[in-house]
C-alpha atoms as a PDB file:
ATOM      1  CA  MET A   1      -0.155  -0.248  -0.179  1.00  0.00           C
ATOM      2  CA  VAL A   2       1.139   3.449  -1.156  1.00  0.00           C
ATOM      3  CA  ILE A   3       1.096   5.784   1.743  1.00  0.00           C
ATOM      4  CA  ASN A   4      -0.117   9.711   0.536  1.00  0.00           C
ATOM      5  CA  PRO A   5       2.253  12.269   3.144  1.00  0.00           C
ATOM      6  CA  THR A   6      -0.742  13.811   2.228  1.00  0.00           C
ATOM      7  CA  TYR A   7      -3.115  11.479   3.744  1.00  0.00           C
ATOM      8  CA  LEU A   8      -1.890  11.850   7.108  1.00  0.00           C
ATOM      9  CA  ALA A   9      -1.302  15.002   7.447  1.00  0.00           C
ATOM     10  CA  GLN A  10      -2.874  17.285  10.429  1.00  0.00           C
ATOM     11  CA  ARG A  11      -3.237  21.199  11.321  1.00  0.00           C
ATOM     12  CA  THR A  12      -1.928  21.476  14.863  1.00  0.00           C
ATOM     13  CA  ARG A  13      -4.346  22.337  17.011  1.00  0.00           C
ATOM     14  CA  SER A  14      -5.371  22.776  20.866  1.00  0.00           C
ATOM     15  CA  SER A  15      -8.177  21.556  22.602  1.00  0.00           C
ATOM     16  CA  THR A  16     -10.305  23.952  23.876  1.00  0.00           C
ATOM     17  CA  SER A  17     -12.182  22.226  26.244  1.00  0.00           C
ATOM     18  CA  TRP A  18     -11.610  18.578  28.220  1.00  0.00           C
ATOM     19  CA  SER A  19     -14.162  16.919  26.100  1.00  0.00           C
ATOM     20  CA  ASP A  20     -12.679  17.812  22.877  1.00  0.00           C
ATOM     21  CA  ALA A  21      -8.998  16.828  24.573  1.00  0.00           C
ATOM     22  CA  LYS A  22     -10.846  13.476  25.032  1.00  0.00           C
ATOM     23  CA  THR A  23     -12.453  13.561  21.656  1.00  0.00           C
ATOM     24  CA  ARG A  24      -9.307  14.384  19.935  1.00  0.00           C
ATOM     25  CA  VAL A  25      -7.613  10.754  22.076  1.00  0.00           C
ATOM     26  CA  THR A  26      -9.840   8.996  21.507  1.00  0.00           C
ATOM     27  CA  LYS A  27     -10.039   9.355  18.022  1.00  0.00           C
ATOM     28  CA  SER A  28      -5.915   8.695  17.885  1.00  0.00           C
ATOM     29  CA  TYR A  29      -6.636   5.925  20.497  1.00  0.00           C
ATOM     30  CA  ARG A  30      -8.211   3.882  17.915  1.00  0.00           C
ATOM     31  CA  ASP A  31      -6.142   5.204  14.187  1.00  0.00           C
ATOM     32  CA  TRP A  32      -3.623   3.270  16.535  1.00  0.00           C
ATOM     33  CA  LEU A  33      -5.506   0.055  16.433  1.00  0.00           C
ATOM     34  CA  ARG A  34      -6.724   0.148  13.227  1.00  0.00           C
ATOM     35  CA  ALA A  35      -3.418   0.338  11.901  1.00  0.00           C
ATOM     36  CA  SER A  36      -1.735  -2.258  14.349  1.00  0.00           C
ATOM     37  CA  PRO A  37      -2.275  -4.691  10.519  1.00  0.00           C
ATOM     38  CA  GLU A  38      -0.334  -2.481   8.529  1.00  0.00           C
ATOM     39  CA  ILE A  39       2.534  -1.960  11.126  1.00  0.00           C
ATOM     40  CA  GLN A  40       3.305  -5.472  11.930  1.00  0.00           C
ATOM     41  CA  GLN A  41       3.263  -6.107   7.825  1.00  0.00           C
ATOM     42  CA  MET A  42       5.410  -3.374   6.777  1.00  0.00           C
ATOM     43  CA  TYR A  43       7.871  -3.754   9.527  1.00  0.00           C
ATOM     44  CA  SER A  44       7.783  -7.403   9.141  1.00  0.00           C
ATOM     45  CA  LEU A  45       7.143  -8.369  13.626  1.00  0.00           C
ATOM     46  CA  ASN A  46       6.834 -11.909  14.403  1.00  0.00           C
ATOM     47  CA  MET A  47       3.881 -10.851  16.966  1.00  0.00           C
ATOM     48  CA  PRO A  48       0.421 -10.918  16.612  1.00  0.00           C
ATOM     49  CA  VAL A  49      -1.730  -7.943  16.124  1.00  0.00           C
ATOM     50  CA  SER A  50      -2.923  -8.045  19.328  1.00  0.00           C
ATOM     51  CA  GLN A  51       0.249  -8.047  21.076  1.00  0.00           C
ATOM     52  CA  ILE A  52       0.746  -4.744  19.101  1.00  0.00           C
ATOM     53  CA  ARG A  53      -2.253  -3.736  20.032  1.00  0.00           C
ATOM     54  CA  THR A  54      -1.994  -4.169  23.748  1.00  0.00           C
ATOM     55  CA  LYS A  55       1.336  -1.970  23.586  1.00  0.00           C
ATOM     56  CA  ILE A  56      -0.861   0.851  22.522  1.00  0.00           C
ATOM     57  CA  ARG A  57      -3.011   0.130  25.103  1.00  0.00           C
ATOM     58  CA  GLN A  58      -0.189   0.269  26.915  1.00  0.00           C
ATOM     59  CA  GLU A  59       1.349   3.058  26.143  1.00  0.00           C
ATOM     60  CA  PHE A  60      -2.319   4.834  26.116  1.00  0.00           C
ATOM     61  CA  GLU A  61      -2.745   3.644  29.741  1.00  0.00           C
ATOM     62  CA  ARG A  62       0.388   5.996  31.188  1.00  0.00           C
ATOM     63  CA  HIS A  63      -0.016   9.041  30.189  1.00  0.00           C
ATOM     64  CA  ARG A  64      -4.028   8.503  31.900  1.00  0.00           C
ATOM     65  CA  TYR A  65      -3.378  10.704  34.605  1.00  0.00           C
ATOM     66  CA  VAL A  66      -1.807  13.014  32.898  1.00  0.00           C
ATOM     67  CA  SER A  67      -4.378  16.495  34.212  1.00  0.00           C
ATOM     68  CA  GLN A  68      -3.207  20.151  31.663  1.00  0.00           C
ATOM     69  CA  ILE A  69      -4.886  20.271  28.558  1.00  0.00           C
ATOM     70  CA  LYS A  70      -1.464  21.264  27.111  1.00  0.00           C
ATOM     71  CA  THR A  71       0.046  18.154  28.163  1.00  0.00           C
ATOM     72  CA  VAL A  72      -1.911  16.427  26.450  1.00  0.00           C
ATOM     73  CA  ASP A  73      -1.820  18.456  23.014  1.00  0.00           C
ATOM     74  CA  VAL A  74       1.886  17.778  23.324  1.00  0.00           C
ATOM     75  CA  LEU A  75       0.771  13.703  23.793  1.00  0.00           C
ATOM     76  CA  LEU A  76      -1.056  13.953  20.784  1.00  0.00           C
ATOM     77  CA  PHE A  77       1.184  15.717  19.001  1.00  0.00           C
ATOM     78  CA  ASN A  78       4.180  13.606  19.409  1.00  0.00           C
ATOM     79  CA  SER A  79       1.695  10.403  19.156  1.00  0.00           C
ATOM     80  CA  HIS A  80       0.972  11.758  14.779  1.00  0.00           C
ATOM     81  CA  GLN A  81       4.118  12.801  14.644  1.00  0.00           C
ATOM     82  CA  GLU A  82       4.976   8.485  15.709  1.00  0.00           C
ATOM     83  CA  PHE A  83       2.052   7.389  13.799  1.00  0.00           C
ATOM     84  CA  GLN A  84       3.102   9.250  10.374  1.00  0.00           C
END
């Protein structure tokens, strides 16, 4: 599958409220989970997709108790950079 760079491009923006931040985090999490099979194929990983998804969940859970919206925005930005 050929990935077009503009397909993944997004404008950097700040969350306006906690509900907005939660929506953006949930979308990012779902994007990562949906991409798990592609990640496995792209990097020729010898692990099941379920294990990749578990690791993704662990990474998101690690930042579960962040209490500042700006920190959440930075984490989302970093997540999107890695996703690209």
